[in-house]
Amino acid sequence: MNALVAIFPSKYRGFWVFDDPAVGLVQEPFVAGADVILDRLTAAIPDAGKGSACCFSLHRFPGTRRA
């Protein structure tokens, strides 16, 4: 079984940010290179900075393998 988490990053004043109402985060900036990763992942998506969906899990997705 997989436990997925979804966040919805967007850009605010040039920075990638996200909200997490469950823990009181509003426009929390991405750090430690996550902003660079988001820039690369969304490079071909028009207006991605206006809002995108990002799903992730603490566990590997079914059918994937380690790199």
C-alpha atoms as a PDB file:
ATOM      1  CA  MET A   1       0.000   0.000   0.000  1.00  0.00           C
ATOM      2  CA  ASN A   2       1.219   3.468  -0.825  1.00  0.00           C
ATOM      3  CA  ALA A   3       0.538   6.638   1.165  1.00  0.00           C
ATOM      4  CA  LEU A   4       0.609   9.552  -1.257  1.00  0.00           C
ATOM      5  CA  VAL A   5       1.022  13.159  -0.260  1.00  0.00           C
ATOM      6  CA  ALA A   6       0.063  16.021  -2.556  1.00  0.00           C
ATOM      7  CA  ILE A   7       1.185  19.612  -2.390  1.00  0.00           C
ATOM      8  CA  PHE A   8       0.484  22.426  -4.803  1.00  0.00           C
ATOM      9  CA  PRO A   9       3.608  24.535  -5.343  1.00  0.00           C
ATOM     10  CA  SER A  10       3.420  27.938  -6.955  1.00  0.00           C
ATOM     11  CA  LYS A  11       5.726  30.898  -7.343  1.00  0.00           C
ATOM     12  CA  TYR A  12       5.475  33.931  -5.095  1.00  0.00           C
ATOM     13  CA  ARG A  13       7.804  36.861  -5.764  1.00  0.00           C
ATOM     14  CA  GLY A  14      10.077  34.571  -7.765  1.00  0.00           C
ATOM     15  CA  PHE A  15      10.275  31.810  -5.137  1.00  0.00           C
ATOM     16  CA  TRP A  16       8.642  28.387  -5.210  1.00  0.00           C
ATOM     17  CA  VAL A  17       6.330  28.116  -2.186  1.00  0.00           C
ATOM     18  CA  PHE A  18       3.598  25.821  -0.861  1.00  0.00           C
ATOM     19  CA  ASP A  19       0.855  25.834   1.750  1.00  0.00           C
ATOM     20  CA  ASP A  20       0.132  23.071   4.256  1.00  0.00           C
ATOM     21  CA  PRO A  21      -2.900  24.025   6.325  1.00  0.00           C
ATOM     22  CA  ALA A  22      -2.540  20.861   8.436  1.00  0.00           C
ATOM     23  CA  VAL A  23       0.557  22.332  10.084  1.00  0.00           C
ATOM     24  CA  GLY A  24      -0.103  26.041   9.572  1.00  0.00           C
ATOM     25  CA  LEU A  25       2.302  26.683   6.692  1.00  0.00           C
ATOM     26  CA  VAL A  26       1.452  29.490   4.289  1.00  0.00           C
ATOM     27  CA  GLN A  27       3.722  30.339   1.349  1.00  0.00           C
ATOM     28  CA  GLU A  28       6.509  28.212   2.820  1.00  0.00           C
ATOM     29  CA  PRO A  29       9.555  28.456   0.539  1.00  0.00           C
ATOM     30  CA  PHE A  30      11.305  25.407  -0.873  1.00  0.00           C
ATOM     31  CA  VAL A  31      14.980  25.174   0.135  1.00  0.00           C
ATOM     32  CA  ALA A  32      18.087  23.029  -0.333  1.00  0.00           C
ATOM     33  CA  GLY A  33      17.772  22.781  -4.101  1.00  0.00           C
ATOM     34  CA  ALA A  34      14.100  21.777  -4.213  1.00  0.00           C
ATOM     35  CA  ASP A  35      13.387  25.069  -5.970  1.00  0.00           C
ATOM     36  CA  VAL A  36      15.917  24.185  -8.675  1.00  0.00           C
ATOM     37  CA  ILE A  37      14.322  20.754  -9.086  1.00  0.00           C
ATOM     38  CA  LEU A  38      10.889  22.363  -9.462  1.00  0.00           C
ATOM     39  CA  ASP A  39      12.265  24.765 -12.076  1.00  0.00           C
ATOM     40  CA  ARG A  40      13.616  21.830 -14.089  1.00  0.00           C
ATOM     41  CA  LEU A  41      10.518  19.677 -13.684  1.00  0.00           C
ATOM     42  CA  THR A  42       8.220  22.457 -14.832  1.00  0.00           C
ATOM     43  CA  ALA A  43      10.416  24.018 -17.535  1.00  0.00           C
ATOM     44  CA  ALA A  44       8.152  22.761 -20.345  1.00  0.00           C
ATOM     45  CA  ILE A  45       4.855  23.481 -18.546  1.00  0.00           C
ATOM     46  CA  PRO A  46       3.405  26.890 -19.415  1.00  0.00           C
ATOM     47  CA  ASP A  47       2.456  28.964 -16.359  1.00  0.00           C
ATOM     48  CA  ALA A  48       3.507  26.221 -13.921  1.00  0.00           C
ATOM     49  CA  GLY A  49       4.478  28.933 -11.460  1.00  0.00           C
ATOM     50  CA  LYS A  50       0.810  29.886 -11.157  1.00  0.00           C
ATOM     51  CA  GLY A  51       0.149  26.513  -9.558  1.00  0.00           C
ATOM     52  CA  SER A  52       1.072  22.880 -10.088  1.00  0.00           C
ATOM     53  CA  ALA A  53       0.413  19.580  -8.376  1.00  0.00           C
ATOM     54  CA  CYS A  54       3.228  17.506  -6.885  1.00  0.00           C
ATOM     55  CA  CYS A  55       2.599  14.003  -5.544  1.00  0.00           C
ATOM     56  CA  PHE A  56       5.154  12.095  -3.524  1.00  0.00           C
ATOM     57  CA  SER A  57       5.445   9.284  -1.026  1.00  0.00           C
ATOM     58  CA  LEU A  58       7.765   8.102   1.709  1.00  0.00           C
ATOM     59  CA  HIS A  59       7.722   4.713  -0.036  1.00  0.00           C
ATOM     60  CA  ARG A  60       8.605   3.753  -3.591  1.00  0.00           C
ATOM     61  CA  PHE A  61       5.770   3.936  -6.079  1.00  0.00           C
ATOM     62  CA  PRO A  62       4.533   0.491  -7.162  1.00  0.00           C
ATOM     63  CA  GLY A  63       6.413  -0.806 -10.189  1.00  0.00           C
ATOM     64  CA  THR A  64       9.483   1.402  -9.747  1.00  0.00           C
ATOM     65  CA  ARG A  65      13.034   0.311  -9.104  1.00  0.00           C
ATOM     66  CA  ARG A  66      16.052   1.909  -7.507  1.00  0.00           C
ATOM     67  CA  ALA A  67      18.340   3.889  -9.780  1.00  0.00           C
END
